[in-house]
Amino acid sequence: MKHMKIAIIGTGNVGGSLASKWAVAGHIIHLGVQDLSSFKGKDLLQNPKTSVHLVKEAVALSELILLATPATAAVEVAKSLGDTTGKVIIDSMNIVMGRGPAGFKTTAEAILANTQTRDVVKCFNTTGFNNMKNPRYGDIDLDMFVAGDSEKGKAAAIQLAKDAGFGECYSIGGNDKFELMEQFAWFWINLAMVQGQGREIGFKLLKR
């Protein structure tokens, strides 16, 4: 297993949950924040191999970047990263009920339009943060899904999904499936919140 240097931009529920899981799995975590003295998730610094930096420094120190900020900030955040040439970006954001970057159908498209790297994939957006903290249901581990043209990016996301405790991480296609990934996220949100099933639900691909 390859241990990665990971910048996490957005240290709230999703970013914080994955930061903790990946630190325990042995990855080096660079939290990227705007203000070193005041940021969400200070308790994450208690995790192993975890440090905090300004956003551009965290990106410069890392080979992979997780974006877990509100979708409305996608363009601003992408522009704040600095040089992303050769780095993988995992987009875990979703446009929900029209709240997203103006002029883009998905957050991943906004990232591609405002960064140097072509290695952008969408993953960790199709379920709640509670399932990232604990993807196990009885003796079954939930599955994760990834989309993007970048094979390098998808391979990294698949490893990181397994390192976070998911059973499998399935590729559902290339950049043309970014919108489908966000629709899948809305499917989970609809079931959990609108239809009243609650957050403790998740998806598993079964085969026979």
N, C-alpha and C. Protein backbone atom coordinates (compact mmCIF):
# COMPACT_ATOMS: atom_id res chain seq x y z
N MET A 1 0.84 -1.19 0.00
CA MET A 1 0.00 0.00 0.00
C MET A 1 0.87 1.24 0.00
N LYS A 2 0.57 2.18 -0.88
CA LYS A 2 1.33 3.42 -0.97
C LYS A 2 0.75 4.45 -0.01
N HIS A 3 1.58 4.99 0.84
CA HIS A 3 1.14 6.07 1.71
C HIS A 3 1.28 7.38 0.96
N MET A 4 0.26 8.20 1.00
CA MET A 4 0.21 9.43 0.22
C MET A 4 0.32 10.66 1.12
N LYS A 5 0.75 11.75 0.50
CA LYS A 5 0.71 13.07 1.14
C LYS A 5 -0.53 13.76 0.62
N ILE A 6 -1.47 14.05 1.54
CA ILE A 6 -2.80 14.50 1.15
C ILE A 6 -3.10 15.87 1.75
N ALA A 7 -3.50 16.80 0.90
CA ALA A 7 -4.00 18.09 1.37
C ALA A 7 -5.52 18.01 1.46
N ILE A 8 -6.06 18.40 2.59
CA ILE A 8 -7.50 18.40 2.77
C ILE A 8 -7.97 19.84 2.92
N ILE A 9 -8.74 20.29 1.93
CA ILE A 9 -9.26 21.65 1.94
C ILE A 9 -10.75 21.56 2.27
N GLY A 10 -11.09 22.02 3.46
CA GLY A 10 -12.44 21.84 3.99
C GLY A 10 -12.38 20.83 5.12
N THR A 11 -12.30 21.32 6.36
CA THR A 11 -12.07 20.43 7.50
C THR A 11 -13.33 20.25 8.35
N GLY A 12 -14.48 20.31 7.68
CA GLY A 12 -15.75 20.07 8.36
C GLY A 12 -16.06 18.59 8.46
N ASN A 13 -17.35 18.24 8.33
CA ASN A 13 -17.77 16.86 8.55
C ASN A 13 -17.11 15.86 7.61
N VAL A 14 -17.17 16.10 6.31
CA VAL A 14 -16.62 15.15 5.33
C VAL A 14 -15.10 15.16 5.37
N GLY A 15 -14.51 16.35 5.24
CA GLY A 15 -13.06 16.44 5.25
C GLY A 15 -12.46 15.94 6.54
N GLY A 16 -13.09 16.27 7.66
CA GLY A 16 -12.60 15.83 8.96
C GLY A 16 -12.68 14.33 9.15
N SER A 17 -13.79 13.74 8.72
CA SER A 17 -13.96 12.29 8.84
C SER A 17 -12.90 11.54 8.04
N LEU A 18 -12.68 11.98 6.80
CA LEU A 18 -11.70 11.30 5.95
C LEU A 18 -10.28 11.58 6.42
N ALA A 19 -10.02 12.79 6.92
CA ALA A 19 -8.69 13.10 7.46
C ALA A 19 -8.34 12.12 8.57
N SER A 20 -9.29 11.86 9.45
CA SER A 20 -9.03 10.94 10.57
C SER A 20 -8.79 9.53 10.09
N LYS A 21 -9.64 9.06 9.17
CA LYS A 21 -9.48 7.69 8.66
C LYS A 21 -8.14 7.52 7.94
N TRP A 22 -7.78 8.48 7.11
CA TRP A 22 -6.56 8.36 6.32
C TRP A 22 -5.31 8.50 7.18
N ALA A 23 -5.38 9.34 8.22
CA ALA A 23 -4.23 9.47 9.12
C ALA A 23 -3.96 8.15 9.84
N VAL A 24 -5.02 7.51 10.31
CA VAL A 24 -4.88 6.23 11.00
C VAL A 24 -4.34 5.16 10.05
N ALA A 25 -4.68 5.28 8.75
CA ALA A 25 -4.20 4.32 7.74
C ALA A 25 -2.75 4.57 7.35
N GLY A 26 -2.15 5.66 7.85
CA GLY A 26 -0.73 5.90 7.61
C GLY A 26 -0.40 7.00 6.62
N HIS A 27 -1.41 7.64 6.06
CA HIS A 27 -1.15 8.73 5.12
C HIS A 27 -0.74 10.00 5.87
N ILE A 28 -0.03 10.87 5.20
CA ILE A 28 0.39 12.15 5.78
C ILE A 28 -0.64 13.21 5.39
N ILE A 29 -1.23 13.85 6.38
CA ILE A 29 -2.35 14.75 6.16
C ILE A 29 -1.92 16.20 6.39
N HIS A 30 -2.12 17.03 5.37
CA HIS A 30 -1.89 18.47 5.47
C HIS A 30 -3.24 19.18 5.39
N LEU A 31 -3.71 19.69 6.51
CA LEU A 31 -4.96 20.44 6.50
C LEU A 31 -4.68 21.82 5.91
N GLY A 32 -5.44 22.19 4.89
CA GLY A 32 -5.26 23.50 4.26
C GLY A 32 -6.34 24.46 4.69
N VAL A 33 -5.95 25.54 5.38
CA VAL A 33 -6.93 26.48 5.94
C VAL A 33 -6.55 27.91 5.56
N GLN A 34 -7.49 28.82 5.73
CA GLN A 34 -7.25 30.23 5.43
C GLN A 34 -6.63 30.98 6.60
N ASP A 35 -6.91 30.50 7.82
CA ASP A 35 -6.42 31.18 9.02
C ASP A 35 -5.88 30.13 9.99
N LEU A 36 -4.58 30.15 10.23
CA LEU A 36 -3.96 29.13 11.07
C LEU A 36 -4.40 29.21 12.53
N SER A 37 -4.87 30.36 12.96
CA SER A 37 -5.24 30.52 14.36
C SER A 37 -6.71 30.21 14.62
N SER A 38 -7.50 30.15 13.55
CA SER A 38 -8.93 29.91 13.72
C SER A 38 -9.47 29.11 12.54
N PHE A 39 -9.73 27.83 12.76
CA PHE A 39 -10.26 26.98 11.69
C PHE A 39 -11.06 25.84 12.29
N LYS A 40 -11.97 25.33 11.50
CA LYS A 40 -12.80 24.21 11.92
C LYS A 40 -11.97 22.93 11.96
N GLY A 41 -12.15 22.14 13.00
CA GLY A 41 -11.48 20.84 13.06
C GLY A 41 -10.11 20.86 13.70
N LYS A 42 -9.89 21.75 14.66
CA LYS A 42 -8.58 21.79 15.33
C LYS A 42 -8.24 20.47 16.01
N ASP A 43 -9.28 19.73 16.43
CA ASP A 43 -9.06 18.44 17.08
C ASP A 43 -8.41 17.43 16.15
N LEU A 44 -8.47 17.68 14.82
CA LEU A 44 -7.85 16.75 13.87
C LEU A 44 -6.34 16.70 14.04
N LEU A 45 -5.77 17.74 14.65
CA LEU A 45 -4.32 17.77 14.85
C LEU A 45 -3.86 16.74 15.88
N GLN A 46 -4.83 16.16 16.60
CA GLN A 46 -4.49 15.08 17.52
C GLN A 46 -4.26 13.76 16.79
N ASN A 47 -4.67 13.69 15.52
CA ASN A 47 -4.46 12.48 14.73
C ASN A 47 -2.98 12.34 14.39
N PRO A 48 -2.54 11.10 14.12
CA PRO A 48 -1.14 10.92 13.71
C PRO A 48 -0.87 11.56 12.35
N LYS A 49 0.38 12.00 12.16
CA LYS A 49 0.85 12.49 10.86
C LYS A 49 -0.03 13.57 10.27
N THR A 50 -0.59 14.45 11.12
CA THR A 50 -1.50 15.50 10.67
C THR A 50 -0.96 16.86 11.10
N SER A 51 -0.91 17.81 10.15
CA SER A 51 -0.44 19.16 10.44
C SER A 51 -1.32 20.15 9.70
N VAL A 52 -1.25 21.42 10.10
CA VAL A 52 -2.09 22.45 9.48
C VAL A 52 -1.21 23.48 8.79
N HIS A 53 -1.67 23.97 7.65
CA HIS A 53 -0.92 24.91 6.82
C HIS A 53 -1.90 25.84 6.12
N LEU A 54 -1.40 26.94 5.61
CA LEU A 54 -2.19 27.74 4.70
C LEU A 54 -2.45 26.92 3.43
N VAL A 55 -3.51 27.23 2.71
CA VAL A 55 -3.97 26.38 1.61
C VAL A 55 -2.87 26.10 0.59
N LYS A 56 -2.22 27.12 0.08
CA LYS A 56 -1.21 26.91 -0.97
C LYS A 56 -0.04 26.07 -0.47
N GLU A 57 0.32 26.24 0.79
CA GLU A 57 1.43 25.44 1.35
C GLU A 57 1.01 23.98 1.48
N ALA A 58 -0.21 23.74 1.95
CA ALA A 58 -0.70 22.37 2.07
C ALA A 58 -0.70 21.67 0.72
N VAL A 59 -1.12 22.40 -0.32
CA VAL A 59 -1.14 21.84 -1.67
C VAL A 59 0.27 21.56 -2.16
N ALA A 60 1.19 22.50 -1.93
CA ALA A 60 2.58 22.33 -2.38
C ALA A 60 3.24 21.12 -1.73
N LEU A 61 2.85 20.81 -0.50
CA LEU A 61 3.45 19.69 0.24
C LEU A 61 2.84 18.34 -0.13
N SER A 62 1.79 18.36 -0.94
CA SER A 62 0.99 17.15 -1.15
C SER A 62 0.97 16.72 -2.61
N GLU A 63 0.65 15.44 -2.81
CA GLU A 63 0.49 14.90 -4.16
C GLU A 63 -0.97 14.74 -4.53
N LEU A 64 -1.84 14.78 -3.52
CA LEU A 64 -3.28 14.60 -3.74
C LEU A 64 -4.03 15.60 -2.89
N ILE A 65 -5.12 16.13 -3.43
CA ILE A 65 -5.91 17.16 -2.76
C ILE A 65 -7.36 16.69 -2.69
N LEU A 66 -7.93 16.72 -1.49
CA LEU A 66 -9.37 16.49 -1.31
C LEU A 66 -10.04 17.84 -1.13
N LEU A 67 -11.04 18.13 -1.96
CA LEU A 67 -11.83 19.34 -1.81
C LEU A 67 -13.17 18.98 -1.18
N ALA A 68 -13.41 19.52 0.02
CA ALA A 68 -14.62 19.18 0.77
C ALA A 68 -15.23 20.45 1.36
N THR A 69 -15.32 21.48 0.52
CA THR A 69 -15.91 22.76 0.94
C THR A 69 -17.32 22.87 0.39
N PRO A 70 -18.08 23.89 0.77
CA PRO A 70 -19.39 24.08 0.15
C PRO A 70 -19.27 24.24 -1.37
N ALA A 71 -20.22 23.70 -2.11
CA ALA A 71 -20.17 23.73 -3.57
C ALA A 71 -20.17 25.16 -4.11
N THR A 72 -20.80 26.06 -3.41
CA THR A 72 -20.86 27.45 -3.87
C THR A 72 -19.48 28.09 -3.94
N ALA A 73 -18.51 27.54 -3.20
CA ALA A 73 -17.16 28.10 -3.15
C ALA A 73 -16.20 27.38 -4.09
N ALA A 74 -16.69 26.51 -4.96
CA ALA A 74 -15.83 25.65 -5.77
C ALA A 74 -14.83 26.43 -6.61
N VAL A 75 -15.28 27.48 -7.28
CA VAL A 75 -14.38 28.25 -8.14
C VAL A 75 -13.34 28.99 -7.30
N GLU A 76 -13.81 29.65 -6.26
CA GLU A 76 -12.90 30.41 -5.38
C GLU A 76 -11.85 29.48 -4.77
N VAL A 77 -12.28 28.31 -4.30
CA VAL A 77 -11.35 27.37 -3.68
C VAL A 77 -10.36 26.83 -4.71
N ALA A 78 -10.84 26.49 -5.90
CA ALA A 78 -9.95 25.98 -6.94
C ALA A 78 -8.87 27.00 -7.28
N LYS A 79 -9.24 28.26 -7.36
CA LYS A 79 -8.28 29.32 -7.68
C LYS A 79 -7.29 29.56 -6.55
N SER A 80 -7.64 29.17 -5.32
CA SER A 80 -6.79 29.42 -4.16
C SER A 80 -5.71 28.37 -3.95
N LEU A 81 -5.75 27.29 -4.74
CA LEU A 81 -4.87 26.14 -4.49
C LEU A 81 -3.42 26.38 -4.87
N GLY A 82 -3.18 27.33 -5.77
CA GLY A 82 -1.82 27.49 -6.29
C GLY A 82 -1.58 26.50 -7.42
N ASP A 83 -0.34 26.15 -7.64
CA ASP A 83 0.02 25.27 -8.76
C ASP A 83 -0.37 23.82 -8.45
N THR A 84 -1.27 23.28 -9.25
CA THR A 84 -1.71 21.89 -9.04
C THR A 84 -1.20 20.95 -10.13
N THR A 85 -0.24 21.40 -10.93
CA THR A 85 0.28 20.59 -12.03
C THR A 85 0.75 19.22 -11.51
N GLY A 86 0.25 18.16 -12.13
CA GLY A 86 0.67 16.81 -11.78
C GLY A 86 0.03 16.23 -10.53
N LYS A 87 -0.83 17.01 -9.87
CA LYS A 87 -1.46 16.53 -8.64
C LYS A 87 -2.86 15.99 -8.93
N VAL A 88 -3.31 15.08 -8.10
CA VAL A 88 -4.67 14.54 -8.18
C VAL A 88 -5.58 15.38 -7.30
N ILE A 89 -6.73 15.74 -7.82
CA ILE A 89 -7.76 16.41 -7.01
C ILE A 89 -8.97 15.49 -6.94
N ILE A 90 -9.41 15.19 -5.71
CA ILE A 90 -10.65 14.46 -5.49
C ILE A 90 -11.71 15.46 -5.06
N ASP A 91 -12.77 15.53 -5.82
CA ASP A 91 -13.89 16.44 -5.56
C ASP A 91 -14.98 15.67 -4.82
N SER A 92 -15.27 16.09 -3.59
CA SER A 92 -16.33 15.42 -2.81
C SER A 92 -17.56 16.31 -2.64
N MET A 93 -17.63 17.37 -3.45
CA MET A 93 -18.71 18.35 -3.30
C MET A 93 -19.91 18.02 -4.19
N ASN A 94 -21.05 18.63 -3.87
CA ASN A 94 -22.26 18.44 -4.66
C ASN A 94 -23.03 19.75 -4.79
N ILE A 95 -23.59 19.97 -5.97
CA ILE A 95 -24.56 21.05 -6.15
C ILE A 95 -25.92 20.49 -5.74
N VAL A 96 -26.49 21.06 -4.69
CA VAL A 96 -27.78 20.58 -4.19
C VAL A 96 -28.79 21.71 -4.29
N MET A 97 -29.91 21.42 -4.96
CA MET A 97 -31.00 22.39 -5.12
C MET A 97 -30.50 23.69 -5.75
N GLY A 98 -29.61 23.53 -6.73
CA GLY A 98 -29.14 24.67 -7.50
C GLY A 98 -28.05 25.49 -6.86
N ARG A 99 -27.61 25.13 -5.66
CA ARG A 99 -26.59 25.90 -4.97
C ARG A 99 -25.21 25.38 -5.34
N GLY A 100 -24.55 26.10 -6.25
CA GLY A 100 -23.24 25.67 -6.73
C GLY A 100 -22.55 26.78 -7.48
N PRO A 101 -21.42 26.47 -8.12
CA PRO A 101 -20.67 27.48 -8.85
C PRO A 101 -21.42 27.94 -10.10
N ALA A 102 -21.56 29.24 -10.26
CA ALA A 102 -22.32 29.79 -11.39
C ALA A 102 -21.69 29.38 -12.72
N GLY A 103 -22.53 28.91 -13.64
CA GLY A 103 -22.07 28.57 -14.97
C GLY A 103 -21.59 27.15 -15.16
N PHE A 104 -21.66 26.33 -14.09
CA PHE A 104 -21.18 24.95 -14.18
C PHE A 104 -22.27 23.98 -13.72
N LYS A 105 -22.36 22.83 -14.41
CA LYS A 105 -23.33 21.81 -14.02
C LYS A 105 -22.87 21.02 -12.81
N THR A 106 -21.54 20.88 -12.63
CA THR A 106 -21.00 20.14 -11.50
C THR A 106 -19.81 20.89 -10.92
N THR A 107 -19.50 20.58 -9.68
CA THR A 107 -18.33 21.20 -9.05
C THR A 107 -17.03 20.73 -9.70
N ALA A 108 -16.99 19.48 -10.15
CA ALA A 108 -15.77 18.96 -10.77
C ALA A 108 -15.43 19.72 -12.05
N GLU A 109 -16.45 20.09 -12.81
CA GLU A 109 -16.21 20.89 -14.02
C GLU A 109 -15.66 22.26 -13.66
N ALA A 110 -16.13 22.82 -12.57
CA ALA A 110 -15.62 24.12 -12.12
C ALA A 110 -14.15 24.00 -11.70
N ILE A 111 -13.81 22.90 -11.07
CA ILE A 111 -12.41 22.68 -10.65
C ILE A 111 -11.51 22.54 -11.87
N LEU A 112 -11.92 21.74 -12.83
CA LEU A 112 -11.12 21.56 -14.05
C LEU A 112 -10.90 22.87 -14.79
N ALA A 113 -11.87 23.74 -14.76
CA ALA A 113 -11.78 25.01 -15.48
C ALA A 113 -10.89 26.02 -14.77
N ASN A 114 -10.55 25.75 -13.50
CA ASN A 114 -9.83 26.75 -12.71
C ASN A 114 -8.57 26.20 -12.04
N THR A 115 -8.07 25.05 -12.51
CA THR A 115 -6.81 24.50 -12.01
C THR A 115 -5.98 24.00 -13.19
N GLN A 116 -4.70 23.74 -12.93
CA GLN A 116 -3.81 23.27 -13.99
C GLN A 116 -3.93 21.76 -14.23
N THR A 117 -4.19 21.01 -13.18
CA THR A 117 -4.20 19.56 -13.32
C THR A 117 -5.39 19.06 -14.13
N ARG A 118 -5.19 17.96 -14.85
CA ARG A 118 -6.29 17.27 -15.53
C ARG A 118 -6.74 16.05 -14.73
N ASP A 119 -6.03 15.76 -13.64
CA ASP A 119 -6.32 14.58 -12.84
C ASP A 119 -7.34 14.89 -11.76
N VAL A 120 -8.56 15.18 -12.19
CA VAL A 120 -9.66 15.49 -11.28
C VAL A 120 -10.68 14.36 -11.33
N VAL A 121 -11.03 13.82 -10.18
CA VAL A 121 -12.05 12.78 -10.10
C VAL A 121 -13.07 13.15 -9.03
N LYS A 122 -14.23 12.56 -9.15
CA LYS A 122 -15.30 12.82 -8.17
C LYS A 122 -15.52 11.56 -7.34
N CYS A 123 -15.42 11.70 -6.03
CA CYS A 123 -15.56 10.56 -5.13
C CYS A 123 -15.91 11.09 -3.74
N PHE A 124 -16.41 10.22 -2.85
CA PHE A 124 -16.76 10.58 -1.48
C PHE A 124 -17.85 11.65 -1.42
N ASN A 125 -18.72 11.65 -2.43
CA ASN A 125 -19.81 12.63 -2.46
C ASN A 125 -21.19 11.98 -2.42
N THR A 126 -21.24 10.64 -2.45
CA THR A 126 -22.52 9.97 -2.66
C THR A 126 -23.16 9.41 -1.38
N THR A 127 -22.60 9.76 -0.22
CA THR A 127 -23.17 9.29 1.03
C THR A 127 -22.86 10.30 2.12
N GLY A 128 -23.44 10.11 3.29
CA GLY A 128 -23.26 11.05 4.38
C GLY A 128 -21.93 10.88 5.10
N PHE A 129 -21.51 11.93 5.80
CA PHE A 129 -20.24 11.86 6.53
C PHE A 129 -20.26 10.80 7.62
N ASN A 130 -21.46 10.50 8.13
CA ASN A 130 -21.56 9.46 9.14
C ASN A 130 -21.10 8.11 8.60
N ASN A 131 -21.34 7.88 7.30
CA ASN A 131 -20.89 6.63 6.68
C ASN A 131 -19.40 6.66 6.37
N MET A 132 -18.81 7.83 6.33
CA MET A 132 -17.35 7.90 6.19
C MET A 132 -16.68 7.63 7.52
N LYS A 133 -17.33 8.07 8.59
CA LYS A 133 -16.82 7.74 9.92
C LYS A 133 -16.92 6.25 10.19
N ASN A 134 -18.03 5.65 9.73
CA ASN A 134 -18.24 4.22 9.97
C ASN A 134 -19.06 3.62 8.82
N PRO A 135 -18.39 3.04 7.82
CA PRO A 135 -19.11 2.46 6.68
C PRO A 135 -19.58 1.03 6.90
N ARG A 136 -19.44 0.50 8.11
CA ARG A 136 -19.81 -0.90 8.37
C ARG A 136 -21.24 -1.00 8.88
N TYR A 137 -22.01 -1.88 8.24
CA TYR A 137 -23.39 -2.19 8.64
C TYR A 137 -23.45 -3.68 8.95
N GLY A 138 -23.45 -4.01 10.23
CA GLY A 138 -23.38 -5.42 10.60
C GLY A 138 -22.04 -5.99 10.16
N ASP A 139 -22.07 -6.99 9.29
CA ASP A 139 -20.83 -7.55 8.76
C ASP A 139 -20.58 -7.14 7.32
N ILE A 140 -21.24 -6.06 6.86
CA ILE A 140 -21.12 -5.58 5.49
C ILE A 140 -20.51 -4.18 5.48
N ASP A 141 -19.54 -3.97 4.60
CA ASP A 141 -18.96 -2.64 4.41
C ASP A 141 -19.60 -1.99 3.18
N LEU A 142 -20.09 -0.76 3.35
CA LEU A 142 -20.68 -0.05 2.23
C LEU A 142 -19.66 0.12 1.09
N ASP A 143 -20.17 0.37 -0.10
CA ASP A 143 -19.31 0.63 -1.25
C ASP A 143 -19.26 2.13 -1.56
N MET A 144 -18.20 2.52 -2.26
CA MET A 144 -18.02 3.89 -2.70
C MET A 144 -17.90 3.87 -4.22
N PHE A 145 -18.04 5.04 -4.83
CA PHE A 145 -18.04 5.14 -6.29
C PHE A 145 -17.18 6.33 -6.71
N VAL A 146 -16.59 6.23 -7.92
CA VAL A 146 -15.71 7.29 -8.41
C VAL A 146 -15.94 7.48 -9.90
N ALA A 147 -15.77 8.72 -10.36
CA ALA A 147 -15.88 9.01 -11.80
C ALA A 147 -14.78 9.98 -12.20
N GLY A 148 -14.32 9.85 -13.44
CA GLY A 148 -13.33 10.76 -13.97
C GLY A 148 -12.53 10.13 -15.09
N ASP A 149 -11.99 10.96 -15.96
CA ASP A 149 -11.15 10.47 -17.04
C ASP A 149 -9.78 10.01 -16.55
N SER A 150 -9.34 10.56 -15.43
CA SER A 150 -7.99 10.29 -14.92
C SER A 150 -7.88 8.91 -14.28
N GLU A 151 -7.14 8.02 -14.92
CA GLU A 151 -6.92 6.69 -14.34
C GLU A 151 -6.07 6.79 -13.08
N LYS A 152 -5.10 7.70 -13.10
CA LYS A 152 -4.27 7.95 -11.93
C LYS A 152 -5.13 8.40 -10.75
N GLY A 153 -6.05 9.32 -11.02
CA GLY A 153 -6.92 9.82 -9.98
C GLY A 153 -7.87 8.76 -9.44
N LYS A 154 -8.42 7.96 -10.34
CA LYS A 154 -9.35 6.92 -9.91
C LYS A 154 -8.64 5.85 -9.08
N ALA A 155 -7.41 5.49 -9.48
CA ALA A 155 -6.66 4.49 -8.71
C ALA A 155 -6.40 4.99 -7.29
N ALA A 156 -6.06 6.27 -7.16
CA ALA A 156 -5.82 6.83 -5.83
C ALA A 156 -7.10 6.86 -5.01
N ALA A 157 -8.21 7.27 -5.63
CA ALA A 157 -9.48 7.33 -4.91
C ALA A 157 -9.93 5.95 -4.46
N ILE A 158 -9.73 4.96 -5.30
CA ILE A 158 -10.12 3.59 -4.95
C ILE A 158 -9.32 3.11 -3.73
N GLN A 159 -8.01 3.36 -3.73
CA GLN A 159 -7.21 2.98 -2.57
C GLN A 159 -7.68 3.71 -1.31
N LEU A 160 -7.92 5.01 -1.44
CA LEU A 160 -8.31 5.79 -0.27
C LEU A 160 -9.69 5.41 0.25
N ALA A 161 -10.59 5.00 -0.63
CA ALA A 161 -11.89 4.52 -0.19
C ALA A 161 -11.73 3.26 0.65
N LYS A 162 -10.89 2.35 0.19
CA LYS A 162 -10.66 1.12 0.95
C LYS A 162 -9.94 1.42 2.26
N ASP A 163 -9.02 2.38 2.23
CA ASP A 163 -8.32 2.77 3.46
C ASP A 163 -9.26 3.40 4.47
N ALA A 164 -10.36 3.99 3.99
CA ALA A 164 -11.37 4.58 4.88
C ALA A 164 -12.36 3.54 5.38
N GLY A 165 -12.24 2.29 4.90
CA GLY A 165 -13.09 1.22 5.40
C GLY A 165 -14.20 0.78 4.49
N PHE A 166 -14.31 1.39 3.29
CA PHE A 166 -15.34 0.96 2.36
C PHE A 166 -14.94 -0.38 1.73
N GLY A 167 -15.96 -1.18 1.41
CA GLY A 167 -15.69 -2.52 0.89
C GLY A 167 -15.03 -2.48 -0.47
N GLU A 168 -15.66 -1.77 -1.40
CA GLU A 168 -15.13 -1.59 -2.75
C GLU A 168 -15.38 -0.15 -3.18
N CYS A 169 -14.66 0.26 -4.21
CA CYS A 169 -14.92 1.57 -4.83
C CYS A 169 -14.96 1.33 -6.32
N TYR A 170 -16.13 1.52 -6.92
CA TYR A 170 -16.35 1.18 -8.32
C TYR A 170 -16.28 2.42 -9.20
N SER A 171 -15.55 2.32 -10.30
CA SER A 171 -15.56 3.38 -11.30
C SER A 171 -16.87 3.31 -12.09
N ILE A 172 -17.53 4.46 -12.25
CA ILE A 172 -18.77 4.47 -13.03
C ILE A 172 -18.56 5.18 -14.38
N GLY A 173 -17.30 5.52 -14.69
CA GLY A 173 -17.02 6.13 -15.99
C GLY A 173 -16.13 7.35 -15.87
N GLY A 174 -16.12 8.16 -16.93
CA GLY A 174 -15.22 9.29 -17.02
C GLY A 174 -15.84 10.60 -16.57
N ASN A 175 -15.27 11.71 -17.09
CA ASN A 175 -15.76 13.03 -16.73
C ASN A 175 -17.23 13.23 -17.09
N ASP A 176 -17.69 12.49 -18.10
CA ASP A 176 -19.08 12.61 -18.52
C ASP A 176 -20.05 12.06 -17.47
N LYS A 177 -19.53 11.42 -16.43
CA LYS A 177 -20.39 10.89 -15.37
C LYS A 177 -20.35 11.73 -14.11
N PHE A 178 -19.71 12.90 -14.16
CA PHE A 178 -19.70 13.79 -12.99
C PHE A 178 -21.12 14.14 -12.55
N GLU A 179 -21.96 14.46 -13.52
CA GLU A 179 -23.32 14.86 -13.19
C GLU A 179 -24.11 13.69 -12.60
N LEU A 180 -23.87 12.48 -13.11
CA LEU A 180 -24.54 11.30 -12.57
C LEU A 180 -24.14 11.08 -11.11
N MET A 181 -22.87 11.32 -10.79
CA MET A 181 -22.41 11.18 -9.40
C MET A 181 -23.16 12.16 -8.49
N GLU A 182 -23.37 13.38 -8.96
CA GLU A 182 -24.09 14.35 -8.13
C GLU A 182 -25.57 13.98 -8.01
N GLN A 183 -26.14 13.41 -9.07
CA GLN A 183 -27.52 12.95 -8.99
C GLN A 183 -27.65 11.78 -8.00
N PHE A 184 -26.62 10.92 -7.97
CA PHE A 184 -26.61 9.80 -7.02
C PHE A 184 -26.55 10.34 -5.59
N ALA A 185 -25.80 11.41 -5.40
CA ALA A 185 -25.74 12.05 -4.08
C ALA A 185 -27.12 12.55 -3.68
N TRP A 186 -27.80 13.19 -4.62
CA TRP A 186 -29.14 13.71 -4.33
C TRP A 186 -30.09 12.55 -4.04
N PHE A 187 -29.90 11.40 -4.69
CA PHE A 187 -30.72 10.21 -4.43
C PHE A 187 -30.59 9.81 -2.95
N TRP A 188 -29.33 9.79 -2.44
CA TRP A 188 -29.11 9.46 -1.03
C TRP A 188 -29.75 10.52 -0.13
N ILE A 189 -29.52 11.79 -0.46
CA ILE A 189 -30.08 12.88 0.35
C ILE A 189 -31.61 12.81 0.37
N ASN A 190 -32.20 12.52 -0.78
CA ASN A 190 -33.66 12.41 -0.86
C ASN A 190 -34.19 11.30 0.04
N LEU A 191 -33.55 10.13 -0.05
CA LEU A 191 -33.98 9.02 0.80
C LEU A 191 -33.79 9.34 2.28
N ALA A 192 -32.61 9.86 2.61
CA ALA A 192 -32.26 10.08 4.02
C ALA A 192 -33.06 11.20 4.65
N MET A 193 -33.13 12.32 3.95
CA MET A 193 -33.72 13.53 4.55
C MET A 193 -35.18 13.76 4.14
N VAL A 194 -35.44 13.76 2.84
CA VAL A 194 -36.78 14.11 2.36
C VAL A 194 -37.77 12.98 2.64
N GLN A 195 -37.36 11.74 2.36
CA GLN A 195 -38.27 10.60 2.55
C GLN A 195 -38.22 10.03 3.96
N GLY A 196 -37.35 10.59 4.80
CA GLY A 196 -37.37 10.24 6.22
C GLY A 196 -36.73 8.92 6.60
N GLN A 197 -35.86 8.38 5.74
CA GLN A 197 -35.19 7.13 6.09
C GLN A 197 -34.09 7.34 7.12
N GLY A 198 -33.61 8.57 7.27
CA GLY A 198 -32.55 8.85 8.23
C GLY A 198 -31.17 8.68 7.62
N ARG A 199 -30.16 9.21 8.30
CA ARG A 199 -28.80 9.21 7.76
C ARG A 199 -28.13 7.84 7.78
N GLU A 200 -28.61 6.92 8.60
CA GLU A 200 -27.94 5.62 8.74
C GLU A 200 -28.39 4.65 7.65
N ILE A 201 -28.17 5.08 6.39
CA ILE A 201 -28.45 4.23 5.24
C ILE A 201 -27.29 4.36 4.27
N GLY A 202 -27.09 3.34 3.44
CA GLY A 202 -26.00 3.40 2.48
C GLY A 202 -26.19 2.38 1.38
N PHE A 203 -25.25 2.39 0.42
CA PHE A 203 -25.39 1.56 -0.77
C PHE A 203 -24.29 0.50 -0.86
N LYS A 204 -24.71 -0.69 -1.31
CA LYS A 204 -23.81 -1.81 -1.52
C LYS A 204 -24.16 -2.47 -2.87
N LEU A 205 -23.15 -2.63 -3.72
CA LEU A 205 -23.37 -3.31 -4.99
C LEU A 205 -23.31 -4.82 -4.78
N LEU A 206 -24.40 -5.52 -5.10
CA LEU A 206 -24.46 -6.97 -4.95
C LEU A 206 -24.34 -7.64 -6.31
N LYS A 207 -23.69 -8.79 -6.36
CA LYS A 207 -23.52 -9.52 -7.61
C LYS A 207 -23.95 -10.96 -7.42
N ARG A 208 -24.42 -11.56 -8.53
CA ARG A 208 -24.68 -13.02 -8.51
C ARG A 208 -24.56 -13.57 -9.90
